[in-house]
Amino acid sequence: MGSSAPVSKSTTPTVASARHHLLNTDGFSHPRENAATLLTTSFAVAAGICALIPALHLLACLAGGAGLLTGGYAQMISATTAERFVNVCAMVVSGLGLLFGLAHGGLY
């Protein structure tokens, strides 16, 4: 029988776990994908807030449309399930913001 070397149980965090991000569930860094997801979420928040105020229908339409476009791109390049989940939620809010903006007066 061969002897096996003892396995050391280090308590120091590795580089991947030290830089763990909420969207990087696979342990790797995805700066471009995370930035696209953050941009989509920002547009969704802006579109959602502007959709609640009828006087801001133009901003709701623009932010909603931009959120849908950036969300589509972010969805195509996403690397983890968490990024895809946030992208889809943000795209739904962006779409609702666009639709409410169109209902309140549209792009004019």
PDB file of N, CA and C in Angstrom:
ATOM      1  N   MET A   1       0.837  -1.169   0.000  1.00  0.00           N
ATOM      2  CA  MET A   1       0.000   0.000   0.000  1.00  0.00           C
ATOM      3  C   MET A   1       0.886   1.238   0.000  1.00  0.00           C
ATOM      4  N   GLY A   2       0.511   2.222  -0.797  1.00  0.00           N
ATOM      5  CA  GLY A   2       1.275   3.458  -0.874  1.00  0.00           C
ATOM      6  C   GLY A   2       0.876   4.410   0.236  1.00  0.00           C
ATOM      7  N   SER A   3       1.805   5.226   0.599  1.00  0.00           N
ATOM      8  CA  SER A   3       1.500   6.213   1.638  1.00  0.00           C
ATOM      9  C   SER A   3       0.999   7.489   0.967  1.00  0.00           C
ATOM     10  N   SER A   4       0.025   8.063   1.568  1.00  0.00           N
ATOM     11  CA  SER A   4      -0.504   9.306   1.006  1.00  0.00           C
ATOM     12  C   SER A   4      -0.038  10.474   1.864  1.00  0.00           C
ATOM     13  N   ALA A   5       0.248  11.553   1.202  1.00  0.00           N
ATOM     14  CA  ALA A   5       0.722  12.742   1.916  1.00  0.00           C
ATOM     15  C   ALA A   5      -0.444  13.377   2.651  1.00  0.00           C
ATOM     16  N   PRO A   6      -0.202  13.917   3.827  1.00  0.00           N
ATOM     17  CA  PRO A   6      -1.295  14.566   4.562  1.00  0.00           C
ATOM     18  C   PRO A   6      -1.769  15.813   3.832  1.00  0.00           C
ATOM     19  N   VAL A   7      -3.043  16.012   3.870  1.00  0.00           N
ATOM     20  CA  VAL A   7      -3.650  17.166   3.218  1.00  0.00           C
ATOM     21  C   VAL A   7      -3.662  18.313   4.218  1.00  0.00           C
ATOM     22  N   SER A   8      -3.090  19.434   3.816  1.00  0.00           N
ATOM     23  CA  SER A   8      -3.068  20.575   4.733  1.00  0.00           C
ATOM     24  C   SER A   8      -4.367  21.353   4.609  1.00  0.00           C
ATOM     25  N   LYS A   9      -4.911  21.729   5.725  1.00  0.00           N
ATOM     26  CA  LYS A   9      -6.142  22.508   5.747  1.00  0.00           C
ATOM     27  C   LYS A   9      -5.781  23.945   6.109  1.00  0.00           C
ATOM     28  N   SER A  10      -5.553  24.736   5.089  1.00  0.00           N
ATOM     29  CA  SER A  10      -5.150  26.117   5.293  1.00  0.00           C
ATOM     30  C   SER A  10      -6.370  26.976   5.623  1.00  0.00           C
ATOM     31  N   THR A  11      -6.180  27.903   6.522  1.00  0.00           N
ATOM     32  CA  THR A  11      -7.276  28.801   6.891  1.00  0.00           C
ATOM     33  C   THR A  11      -7.212  30.120   6.146  1.00  0.00           C
ATOM     34  N   THR A  12      -6.174  30.336   5.360  1.00  0.00           N
ATOM     35  CA  THR A  12      -6.084  31.583   4.610  1.00  0.00           C
ATOM     36  C   THR A  12      -6.964  31.483   3.371  1.00  0.00           C
ATOM     37  N   PRO A  13      -7.716  32.538   3.079  1.00  0.00           N
ATOM     38  CA  PRO A  13      -8.595  32.492   1.903  1.00  0.00           C
ATOM     39  C   PRO A  13      -7.788  32.537   0.621  1.00  0.00           C
ATOM     40  N   THR A  14      -8.281  31.856  -0.384  1.00  0.00           N
ATOM     41  CA  THR A  14      -7.635  31.902  -1.688  1.00  0.00           C
ATOM     42  C   THR A  14      -8.017  33.198  -2.390  1.00  0.00           C
ATOM     43  N   VAL A  15      -7.376  33.456  -3.491  1.00  0.00           N
ATOM     44  CA  VAL A  15      -7.639  34.694  -4.233  1.00  0.00           C
ATOM     45  C   VAL A  15      -9.078  34.721  -4.725  1.00  0.00           C
ATOM     46  N   ALA A  16      -9.588  33.592  -5.191  1.00  0.00           N
ATOM     47  CA  ALA A  16     -10.945  33.555  -5.728  1.00  0.00           C
ATOM     48  C   ALA A  16     -11.979  33.815  -4.637  1.00  0.00           C
ATOM     49  N   SER A  17     -11.773  33.245  -3.455  1.00  0.00           N
ATOM     50  CA  SER A  17     -12.764  33.459  -2.401  1.00  0.00           C
ATOM     51  C   SER A  17     -12.619  34.825  -1.755  1.00  0.00           C
ATOM     52  N   ALA A  18     -11.417  35.400  -1.800  1.00  0.00           N
ATOM     53  CA  ALA A  18     -11.226  36.729  -1.227  1.00  0.00           C
ATOM     54  C   ALA A  18     -11.913  37.793  -2.075  1.00  0.00           C
ATOM     55  N   ARG A  19     -12.033  37.552  -3.370  1.00  0.00           N
ATOM     56  CA  ARG A  19     -12.653  38.514  -4.285  1.00  0.00           C
ATOM     57  C   ARG A  19     -14.034  38.056  -4.727  1.00  0.00           C
ATOM     58  N   HIS A  20     -14.698  37.281  -3.917  1.00  0.00           N
ATOM     59  CA  HIS A  20     -16.010  36.756  -4.297  1.00  0.00           C
ATOM     60  C   HIS A  20     -17.012  37.891  -4.434  1.00  0.00           C
ATOM     61  N   HIS A  21     -17.691  37.910  -5.524  1.00  0.00           N
ATOM     62  CA  HIS A  21     -18.691  38.923  -5.830  1.00  0.00           C
ATOM     63  C   HIS A  21     -20.034  38.227  -5.927  1.00  0.00           C
ATOM     64  N   LEU A  22     -21.087  38.955  -5.673  1.00  0.00           N
ATOM     65  CA  LEU A  22     -22.418  38.362  -5.662  1.00  0.00           C
ATOM     66  C   LEU A  22     -22.783  37.718  -6.999  1.00  0.00           C
ATOM     67  N   LEU A  23     -22.356  38.316  -8.094  1.00  0.00           N
ATOM     68  CA  LEU A  23     -22.700  37.789  -9.412  1.00  0.00           C
ATOM     69  C   LEU A  23     -21.704  36.746  -9.913  1.00  0.00           C
ATOM     70  N   ASN A  24     -20.519  36.673  -9.308  1.00  0.00           N
ATOM     71  CA  ASN A  24     -19.492  35.725  -9.744  1.00  0.00           C
ATOM     72  C   ASN A  24     -19.619  34.426  -8.960  1.00  0.00           C
ATOM     73  N   THR A  25     -20.659  33.682  -9.229  1.00  0.00           N
ATOM     74  CA  THR A  25     -20.914  32.467  -8.469  1.00  0.00           C
ATOM     75  C   THR A  25     -20.001  31.315  -8.868  1.00  0.00           C
ATOM     76  N   ASP A  26     -19.283  31.459  -9.982  1.00  0.00           N
ATOM     77  CA  ASP A  26     -18.371  30.396 -10.395  1.00  0.00           C
ATOM     78  C   ASP A  26     -16.957  30.600  -9.865  1.00  0.00           C
ATOM     79  N   GLY A  27     -16.712  31.700  -9.147  1.00  0.00           N
ATOM     80  CA  GLY A  27     -15.406  31.947  -8.561  1.00  0.00           C
ATOM     81  C   GLY A  27     -14.452  32.728  -9.440  1.00  0.00           C
ATOM     82  N   PHE A  28     -14.832  33.026 -10.656  1.00  0.00           N
ATOM     83  CA  PHE A  28     -13.986  33.786 -11.561  1.00  0.00           C
ATOM     84  C   PHE A  28     -14.493  35.215 -11.678  1.00  0.00           C
ATOM     85  N   SER A  29     -13.607  36.102 -12.043  1.00  0.00           N
ATOM     86  CA  SER A  29     -13.972  37.502 -12.210  1.00  0.00           C
ATOM     87  C   SER A  29     -14.540  37.731 -13.613  1.00  0.00           C
ATOM     88  N   HIS A  30     -15.653  38.454 -13.685  1.00  0.00           N
ATOM     89  CA  HIS A  30     -16.290  38.778 -14.967  1.00  0.00           C
ATOM     90  C   HIS A  30     -16.576  40.278 -14.989  1.00  0.00           C
ATOM     91  N   PRO A  31     -15.576  41.128 -15.175  1.00  0.00           N
ATOM     92  CA  PRO A  31     -15.816  42.575 -15.079  1.00  0.00           C
ATOM     93  C   PRO A  31     -16.709  43.124 -16.186  1.00  0.00           C
ATOM     94  N   ARG A  32     -16.565  42.632 -17.406  1.00  0.00           N
ATOM     95  CA  ARG A  32     -17.386  43.148 -18.507  1.00  0.00           C
ATOM     96  C   ARG A  32     -18.841  42.724 -18.335  1.00  0.00           C
ATOM     97  N   GLU A  33     -19.053  41.485 -17.957  1.00  0.00           N
ATOM     98  CA  GLU A  33     -20.404  40.977 -17.767  1.00  0.00           C
ATOM     99  C   GLU A  33     -21.088  41.654 -16.582  1.00  0.00           C
ATOM    100  N   ASN A  34     -20.333  41.867 -15.498  1.00  0.00           N
ATOM    101  CA  ASN A  34     -20.900  42.540 -14.327  1.00  0.00           C
ATOM    102  C   ASN A  34     -21.228  43.997 -14.629  1.00  0.00           C
ATOM    103  N   ALA A  35     -20.379  44.651 -15.422  1.00  0.00           N
ATOM    104  CA  ALA A  35     -20.639  46.049 -15.780  1.00  0.00           C
ATOM    105  C   ALA A  35     -21.898  46.157 -16.649  1.00  0.00           C
ATOM    106  N   ALA A  36     -22.072  45.224 -17.568  1.00  0.00           N
ATOM    107  CA  ALA A  36     -23.275  45.240 -18.408  1.00  0.00           C
ATOM    108  C   ALA A  36     -24.529  44.979 -17.573  1.00  0.00           C
ATOM    109  N   THR A  37     -24.425  44.086 -16.612  1.00  0.00           N
ATOM    110  CA  THR A  37     -25.558  43.805 -15.726  1.00  0.00           C
ATOM    111  C   THR A  37     -25.871  45.015 -14.856  1.00  0.00           C
ATOM    112  N   LEU A  38     -24.843  45.674 -14.344  1.00  0.00           N
ATOM    113  CA  LEU A  38     -25.050  46.875 -13.531  1.00  0.00           C
ATOM    114  C   LEU A  38     -25.672  47.998 -14.360  1.00  0.00           C
ATOM    115  N   LEU A  39     -25.234  48.170 -15.594  1.00  0.00           N
ATOM    116  CA  LEU A  39     -25.800  49.198 -16.459  1.00  0.00           C
ATOM    117  C   LEU A  39     -27.269  48.908 -16.767  1.00  0.00           C
ATOM    118  N   THR A  40     -27.584  47.647 -17.030  1.00  0.00           N
ATOM    119  CA  THR A  40     -28.967  47.257 -17.280  1.00  0.00           C
ATOM    120  C   THR A  40     -29.839  47.523 -16.061  1.00  0.00           C
ATOM    121  N   THR A  41     -29.333  47.183 -14.892  1.00  0.00           N
ATOM    122  CA  THR A  41     -30.081  47.409 -13.654  1.00  0.00           C
ATOM    123  C   THR A  41     -30.277  48.899 -13.391  1.00  0.00           C
ATOM    124  N   SER A  42     -29.281  49.710 -13.701  1.00  0.00           N
ATOM    125  CA  SER A  42     -29.415  51.162 -13.528  1.00  0.00           C
ATOM    126  C   SER A  42     -30.487  51.736 -14.441  1.00  0.00           C
ATOM    127  N   PHE A  43     -30.498  51.295 -15.691  1.00  0.00           N
ATOM    128  CA  PHE A  43     -31.547  51.742 -16.608  1.00  0.00           C
ATOM    129  C   PHE A  43     -32.923  51.280 -16.131  1.00  0.00           C
ATOM    130  N   ALA A  44     -32.995  50.080 -15.577  1.00  0.00           N
ATOM    131  CA  ALA A  44     -34.278  49.557 -15.101  1.00  0.00           C
ATOM    132  C   ALA A  44     -34.798  50.373 -13.926  1.00  0.00           C
ATOM    133  N   VAL A  45     -33.915  50.735 -13.010  1.00  0.00           N
ATOM    134  CA  VAL A  45     -34.332  51.551 -11.863  1.00  0.00           C
ATOM    135  C   VAL A  45     -34.818  52.918 -12.343  1.00  0.00           C
ATOM    136  N   ALA A  46     -34.074  53.523 -13.270  1.00  0.00           N
ATOM    137  CA  ALA A  46     -34.482  54.828 -13.795  1.00  0.00           C
ATOM    138  C   ALA A  46     -35.820  54.727 -14.530  1.00  0.00           C
ATOM    139  N   ALA A  47     -35.981  53.693 -15.335  1.00  0.00           N
ATOM    140  CA  ALA A  47     -37.239  53.524 -16.075  1.00  0.00           C
ATOM    141  C   ALA A  47     -38.397  53.248 -15.128  1.00  0.00           C
ATOM    142  N   GLY A  48     -38.160  52.466 -14.101  1.00  0.00           N
ATOM    143  CA  GLY A  48     -39.218  52.164 -13.137  1.00  0.00           C
ATOM    144  C   GLY A  48     -39.670  53.377 -12.358  1.00  0.00           C
ATOM    145  N   ILE A  49     -38.731  54.207 -11.947  1.00  0.00           N
ATOM    146  CA  ILE A  49     -39.083  55.425 -11.202  1.00  0.00           C
ATOM    147  C   ILE A  49     -39.786  56.420 -12.113  1.00  0.00           C
ATOM    148  N   CYS A  50     -39.247  56.601 -13.321  1.00  0.00           N
ATOM    149  CA  CYS A  50     -39.852  57.556 -14.251  1.00  0.00           C
ATOM    150  C   CYS A  50     -41.233  57.094 -14.727  1.00  0.00           C
ATOM    151  N   ALA A  51     -41.478  55.800 -14.731  1.00  0.00           N
ATOM    152  CA  ALA A  51     -42.786  55.288 -15.164  1.00  0.00           C
ATOM    153  C   ALA A  51     -43.875  55.652 -14.164  1.00  0.00           C
ATOM    154  N   LEU A  52     -43.513  55.862 -12.919  1.00  0.00           N
ATOM    155  CA  LEU A  52     -44.500  56.199 -11.896  1.00  0.00           C
ATOM    156  C   LEU A  52     -44.931  57.663 -11.951  1.00  0.00           C
ATOM    157  N   ILE A  53     -44.156  58.493 -12.655  1.00  0.00           N
ATOM    158  CA  ILE A  53     -44.447  59.923 -12.756  1.00  0.00           C
ATOM    159  C   ILE A  53     -44.824  60.214 -14.213  1.00  0.00           C
ATOM    160  N   PRO A  54     -46.094  60.490 -14.499  1.00  0.00           N
ATOM    161  CA  PRO A  54     -46.516  60.672 -15.893  1.00  0.00           C
ATOM    162  C   PRO A  54     -45.786  61.791 -16.631  1.00  0.00           C
ATOM    163  N   ALA A  55     -45.332  62.816 -15.934  1.00  0.00           N
ATOM    164  CA  ALA A  55     -44.633  63.914 -16.596  1.00  0.00           C
ATOM    165  C   ALA A  55     -43.259  63.493 -17.127  1.00  0.00           C
ATOM    166  N   LEU A  56     -42.729  62.398 -16.641  1.00  0.00           N
ATOM    167  CA  LEU A  56     -41.412  61.924 -17.074  1.00  0.00           C
ATOM    168  C   LEU A  56     -41.524  60.783 -18.086  1.00  0.00           C
ATOM    169  N   HIS A  57     -42.560  60.824 -18.917  1.00  0.00           N
ATOM    170  CA  HIS A  57     -42.786  59.742 -19.865  1.00  0.00           C
ATOM    171  C   HIS A  57     -41.673  59.602 -20.876  1.00  0.00           C
ATOM    172  N   LEU A  58     -41.044  60.720 -21.278  1.00  0.00           N
ATOM    173  CA  LEU A  58     -39.957  60.644 -22.244  1.00  0.00           C
ATOM    174  C   LEU A  58     -38.751  59.919 -21.650  1.00  0.00           C
ATOM    175  N   LEU A  59     -38.393  60.261 -20.414  1.00  0.00           N
ATOM    176  CA  LEU A  59     -37.268  59.596 -19.762  1.00  0.00           C
ATOM    177  C   LEU A  59     -37.561  58.118 -19.512  1.00  0.00           C
ATOM    178  N   ALA A  60     -38.805  57.803 -19.175  1.00  0.00           N
ATOM    179  CA  ALA A  60     -39.179  56.404 -18.973  1.00  0.00           C
ATOM    180  C   ALA A  60     -39.022  55.608 -20.260  1.00  0.00           C
ATOM    181  N   CYS A  61     -39.429  56.206 -21.382  1.00  0.00           N
ATOM    182  CA  CYS A  61     -39.291  55.522 -22.668  1.00  0.00           C
ATOM    183  C   CYS A  61     -37.824  55.316 -23.038  1.00  0.00           C
ATOM    184  N   LEU A  62     -37.024  56.359 -22.863  1.00  0.00           N
ATOM    185  CA  LEU A  62     -35.614  56.250 -23.230  1.00  0.00           C
ATOM    186  C   LEU A  62     -34.866  55.286 -22.322  1.00  0.00           C
ATOM    187  N   ALA A  63     -35.084  55.386 -21.022  1.00  0.00           N
ATOM    188  CA  ALA A  63     -34.403  54.482 -20.090  1.00  0.00           C
ATOM    189  C   ALA A  63     -34.887  53.049 -20.275  1.00  0.00           C
ATOM    190  N   GLY A  64     -36.176  52.866 -20.529  1.00  0.00           N
ATOM    191  CA  GLY A  64     -36.701  51.523 -20.766  1.00  0.00           C
ATOM    192  C   GLY A  64     -36.141  50.894 -22.030  1.00  0.00           C
ATOM    193  N   GLY A  65     -36.082  51.670 -23.091  1.00  0.00           N
ATOM    194  CA  GLY A  65     -35.509  51.153 -24.334  1.00  0.00           C
ATOM    195  C   GLY A  65     -34.026  50.835 -24.195  1.00  0.00           C
ATOM    196  N   ALA A  66     -33.292  51.728 -23.527  1.00  0.00           N
ATOM    197  CA  ALA A  66     -31.864  51.484 -23.311  1.00  0.00           C
ATOM    198  C   ALA A  66     -31.659  50.274 -22.407  1.00  0.00           C
ATOM    199  N   GLY A  67     -32.524  50.107 -21.411  1.00  0.00           N
ATOM    200  CA  GLY A  67     -32.430  48.943 -20.535  1.00  0.00           C
ATOM    201  C   GLY A  67     -32.689  47.643 -21.268  1.00  0.00           C
ATOM    202  N   LEU A  68     -33.633  47.657 -22.187  1.00  0.00           N
ATOM    203  CA  LEU A  68     -33.902  46.446 -22.966  1.00  0.00           C
ATOM    204  C   LEU A  68     -32.741  46.110 -23.898  1.00  0.00           C
ATOM    205  N   LEU A  69     -32.157  47.131 -24.513  1.00  0.00           N
ATOM    206  CA  LEU A  69     -31.024  46.882 -25.414  1.00  0.00           C
ATOM    207  C   LEU A  69     -29.795  46.398 -24.663  1.00  0.00           C
ATOM    208  N   THR A  70     -29.439  47.085 -23.583  1.00  0.00           N
ATOM    209  CA  THR A  70     -28.265  46.646 -22.818  1.00  0.00           C
ATOM    210  C   THR A  70     -28.533  45.317 -22.117  1.00  0.00           C
ATOM    211  N   GLY A  71     -29.776  45.080 -21.730  1.00  0.00           N
ATOM    212  CA  GLY A  71     -30.115  43.802 -21.122  1.00  0.00           C
ATOM    213  C   GLY A  71     -29.990  42.646 -22.097  1.00  0.00           C
ATOM    214  N   GLY A  72     -30.378  42.878 -23.333  1.00  0.00           N
ATOM    215  CA  GLY A  72     -30.207  41.841 -24.351  1.00  0.00           C
ATOM    216  C   GLY A  72     -28.749  41.514 -24.593  1.00  0.00           C
ATOM    217  N   TYR A  73     -27.912  42.550 -24.651  1.00  0.00           N
ATOM    218  CA  TYR A  73     -26.477  42.326 -24.819  1.00  0.00           C
ATOM    219  C   TYR A  73     -25.891  41.629 -23.595  1.00  0.00           C
ATOM    220  N   ALA A  74     -26.274  42.099 -22.401  1.00  0.00           N
ATOM    221  CA  ALA A  74     -25.757  41.495 -21.179  1.00  0.00           C
ATOM    222  C   ALA A  74     -26.203  40.045 -21.050  1.00  0.00           C
ATOM    223  N   GLN A  75     -27.381  39.741 -21.527  1.00  0.00           N
ATOM    224  CA  GLN A  75     -27.875  38.364 -21.479  1.00  0.00           C
ATOM    225  C   GLN A  75     -27.050  37.465 -22.386  1.00  0.00           C
ATOM    226  N   MET A  76     -26.635  37.979 -23.535  1.00  0.00           N
ATOM    227  CA  MET A  76     -25.854  37.161 -24.461  1.00  0.00           C
ATOM    228  C   MET A  76     -24.446  36.891 -23.954  1.00  0.00           C
ATOM    229  N   ILE A  77     -23.849  37.843 -23.219  1.00  0.00           N
ATOM    230  CA  ILE A  77     -22.476  37.656 -22.768  1.00  0.00           C
ATOM    231  C   ILE A  77     -22.389  37.164 -21.331  1.00  0.00           C
ATOM    232  N   SER A  78     -23.516  36.976 -20.649  1.00  0.00           N
ATOM    233  CA  SER A  78     -23.485  36.592 -19.239  1.00  0.00           C
ATOM    234  C   SER A  78     -22.823  35.230 -19.068  1.00  0.00           C
ATOM    235  N   ALA A  79     -22.140  35.086 -17.932  1.00  0.00           N
ATOM    236  CA  ALA A  79     -21.374  33.869 -17.685  1.00  0.00           C
ATOM    237  C   ALA A  79     -21.956  33.023 -16.552  1.00  0.00           C
ATOM    238  N   THR A  80     -22.755  33.612 -15.687  1.00  0.00           N
ATOM    239  CA  THR A  80     -23.283  32.859 -14.545  1.00  0.00           C
ATOM    240  C   THR A  80     -24.805  32.976 -14.486  1.00  0.00           C
ATOM    241  N   THR A  81     -25.396  32.085 -13.744  1.00  0.00           N
ATOM    242  CA  THR A  81     -26.844  32.091 -13.582  1.00  0.00           C
ATOM    243  C   THR A  81     -27.305  33.328 -12.827  1.00  0.00           C
ATOM    244  N   ALA A  82     -26.522  33.793 -11.868  1.00  0.00           N
ATOM    245  CA  ALA A  82     -26.901  34.986 -11.111  1.00  0.00           C
ATOM    246  C   ALA A  82     -26.971  36.209 -12.014  1.00  0.00           C
ATOM    247  N   GLU A  83     -26.029  36.339 -12.935  1.00  0.00           N
ATOM    248  CA  GLU A  83     -26.065  37.459 -13.880  1.00  0.00           C
ATOM    249  C   GLU A  83     -27.307  37.364 -14.765  1.00  0.00           C
ATOM    250  N   ARG A  84     -27.636  36.169 -15.206  1.00  0.00           N
ATOM    251  CA  ARG A  84     -28.809  35.999 -16.064  1.00  0.00           C
ATOM    252  C   ARG A  84     -30.099  36.331 -15.322  1.00  0.00           C
ATOM    253  N   PHE A  85     -30.170  35.944 -14.047  1.00  0.00           N
ATOM    254  CA  PHE A  85     -31.353  36.238 -13.248  1.00  0.00           C
ATOM    255  C   PHE A  85     -31.541  37.743 -13.085  1.00  0.00           C
ATOM    256  N   VAL A  86     -30.467  38.459 -12.756  1.00  0.00           N
ATOM    257  CA  VAL A  86     -30.558  39.912 -12.591  1.00  0.00           C
ATOM    258  C   VAL A  86     -30.875  40.573 -13.917  1.00  0.00           C
ATOM    259  N   ASN A  87     -30.296  40.079 -15.002  1.00  0.00           N
ATOM    260  CA  ASN A  87     -30.570  40.644 -16.327  1.00  0.00           C
ATOM    261  C   ASN A  87     -32.038  40.511 -16.706  1.00  0.00           C
ATOM    262  N   VAL A  88     -32.610  39.344 -16.479  1.00  0.00           N
ATOM    263  CA  VAL A  88     -34.018  39.138 -16.852  1.00  0.00           C
ATOM    264  C   VAL A  88     -34.931  40.016 -16.000  1.00  0.00           C
ATOM    265  N   CYS A  89     -34.662  40.095 -14.699  1.00  0.00           N
ATOM    266  CA  CYS A  89     -35.477  40.960 -13.830  1.00  0.00           C
ATOM    267  C   CYS A  89     -35.376  42.420 -14.262  1.00  0.00           C
ATOM    268  N   ALA A  90     -34.164  42.867 -14.586  1.00  0.00           N
ATOM    269  CA  ALA A  90     -33.977  44.249 -15.015  1.00  0.00           C
ATOM    270  C   ALA A  90     -34.634  44.504 -16.369  1.00  0.00           C
ATOM    271  N   MET A  91     -34.617  43.526 -17.249  1.00  0.00           N
ATOM    272  CA  MET A  91     -35.268  43.699 -18.542  1.00  0.00           C
ATOM    273  C   MET A  91     -36.783  43.778 -18.404  1.00  0.00           C
ATOM    274  N   VAL A  92     -37.345  43.036 -17.468  1.00  0.00           N
ATOM    275  CA  VAL A  92     -38.791  43.109 -17.232  1.00  0.00           C
ATOM    276  C   VAL A  92     -39.173  44.492 -16.717  1.00  0.00           C
ATOM    277  N   VAL A  93     -38.407  45.011 -15.762  1.00  0.00           N
ATOM    278  CA  VAL A  93     -38.695  46.351 -15.228  1.00  0.00           C
ATOM    279  C   VAL A  93     -38.487  47.410 -16.313  1.00  0.00           C
ATOM    280  N   SER A  94     -37.447  47.256 -17.125  1.00  0.00           N
ATOM    281  CA  SER A  94     -37.217  48.199 -18.224  1.00  0.00           C
ATOM    282  C   SER A  94     -38.360  48.172 -19.223  1.00  0.00           C
ATOM    283  N   GLY A  95     -38.838  46.986 -19.536  1.00  0.00           N
ATOM    284  CA  GLY A  95     -39.966  46.876 -20.459  1.00  0.00           C
ATOM    285  C   GLY A  95     -41.231  47.503 -19.904  1.00  0.00           C
ATOM    286  N   LEU A  96     -41.473  47.282 -18.619  1.00  0.00           N
ATOM    287  CA  LEU A  96     -42.639  47.926 -17.995  1.00  0.00           C
ATOM    288  C   LEU A  96     -42.491  49.444 -17.975  1.00  0.00           C
ATOM    289  N   GLY A  97     -41.282  49.924 -17.708  1.00  0.00           N
ATOM    290  CA  GLY A  97     -41.045  51.369 -17.750  1.00  0.00           C
ATOM    291  C   GLY A  97     -41.279  51.940 -19.133  1.00  0.00           C
ATOM    292  N   LEU A  98     -40.824  51.206 -20.153  1.00  0.00           N
ATOM    293  CA  LEU A  98     -41.060  51.638 -21.531  1.00  0.00           C
ATOM    294  C   LEU A  98     -42.544  51.657 -21.849  1.00  0.00           C
ATOM    295  N   LEU A  99     -43.257  50.626 -21.463  1.00  0.00           N
ATOM    296  CA  LEU A  99     -44.690  50.561 -21.763  1.00  0.00           C
ATOM    297  C   LEU A  99     -45.483  51.632 -21.023  1.00  0.00           C
ATOM    298  N   PHE A 100     -45.175  51.856 -19.754  1.00  0.00           N
ATOM    299  CA  PHE A 100     -45.858  52.922 -19.019  1.00  0.00           C
ATOM    300  C   PHE A 100     -45.502  54.293 -19.585  1.00  0.00           C
ATOM    301  N   GLY A 101     -44.262  54.470 -20.011  1.00  0.00           N
ATOM    302  CA  GLY A 101     -43.886  55.735 -20.636  1.00  0.00           C
ATOM    303  C   GLY A 101     -44.639  55.964 -21.935  1.00  0.00           C
ATOM    304  N   LEU A 102     -44.791  54.917 -22.725  1.00  0.00           N
ATOM    305  CA  LEU A 102     -45.570  55.034 -23.954  1.00  0.00           C
ATOM    306  C   LEU A 102     -47.041  55.316 -23.654  1.00  0.00           C
ATOM    307  N   ALA A 103     -47.559  54.715 -22.603  1.00  0.00           N
ATOM    308  CA  ALA A 103     -48.963  54.937 -22.251  1.00  0.00           C
ATOM    309  C   ALA A 103     -49.207  56.349 -21.722  1.00  0.00           C
ATOM    310  N   HIS A 104     -48.190  56.944 -21.122  1.00  0.00           N
ATOM    311  CA  HIS A 104     -48.352  58.280 -20.556  1.00  0.00           C
ATOM    312  C   HIS A 104     -48.051  59.401 -21.537  1.00  0.00           C
ATOM    313  N   GLY A 105     -47.647  59.065 -22.737  1.00  0.00           N
ATOM    314  CA  GLY A 105     -47.411  60.131 -23.701  1.00  0.00           C
ATOM    315  C   GLY A 105     -46.387  59.791 -24.752  1.00  0.00           C
ATOM    316  N   GLY A 106     -45.644  58.735 -24.559  1.00  0.00           N
ATOM    317  CA  GLY A 106     -44.711  58.293 -25.567  1.00  0.00           C
ATOM    318  C   GLY A 106     -43.461  59.143 -25.679  1.00  0.00           C
ATOM    319  N   LEU A 107     -42.900  59.165 -26.860  1.00  0.00           N
ATOM    320  CA  LEU A 107     -41.639  59.852 -27.092  1.00  0.00           C
ATOM    321  C   LEU A 107     -41.821  61.329 -27.476  1.00  0.00           C
ATOM    322  N   TYR A 108     -43.040  61.860 -27.387  1.00  0.00           N
ATOM    323  CA  TYR A 108     -43.267  63.252 -27.765  1.00  0.00           C
ATOM    324  C   TYR A 108     -43.782  64.034 -26.598  1.00  0.00           C
TER     325      TYR A 108
END
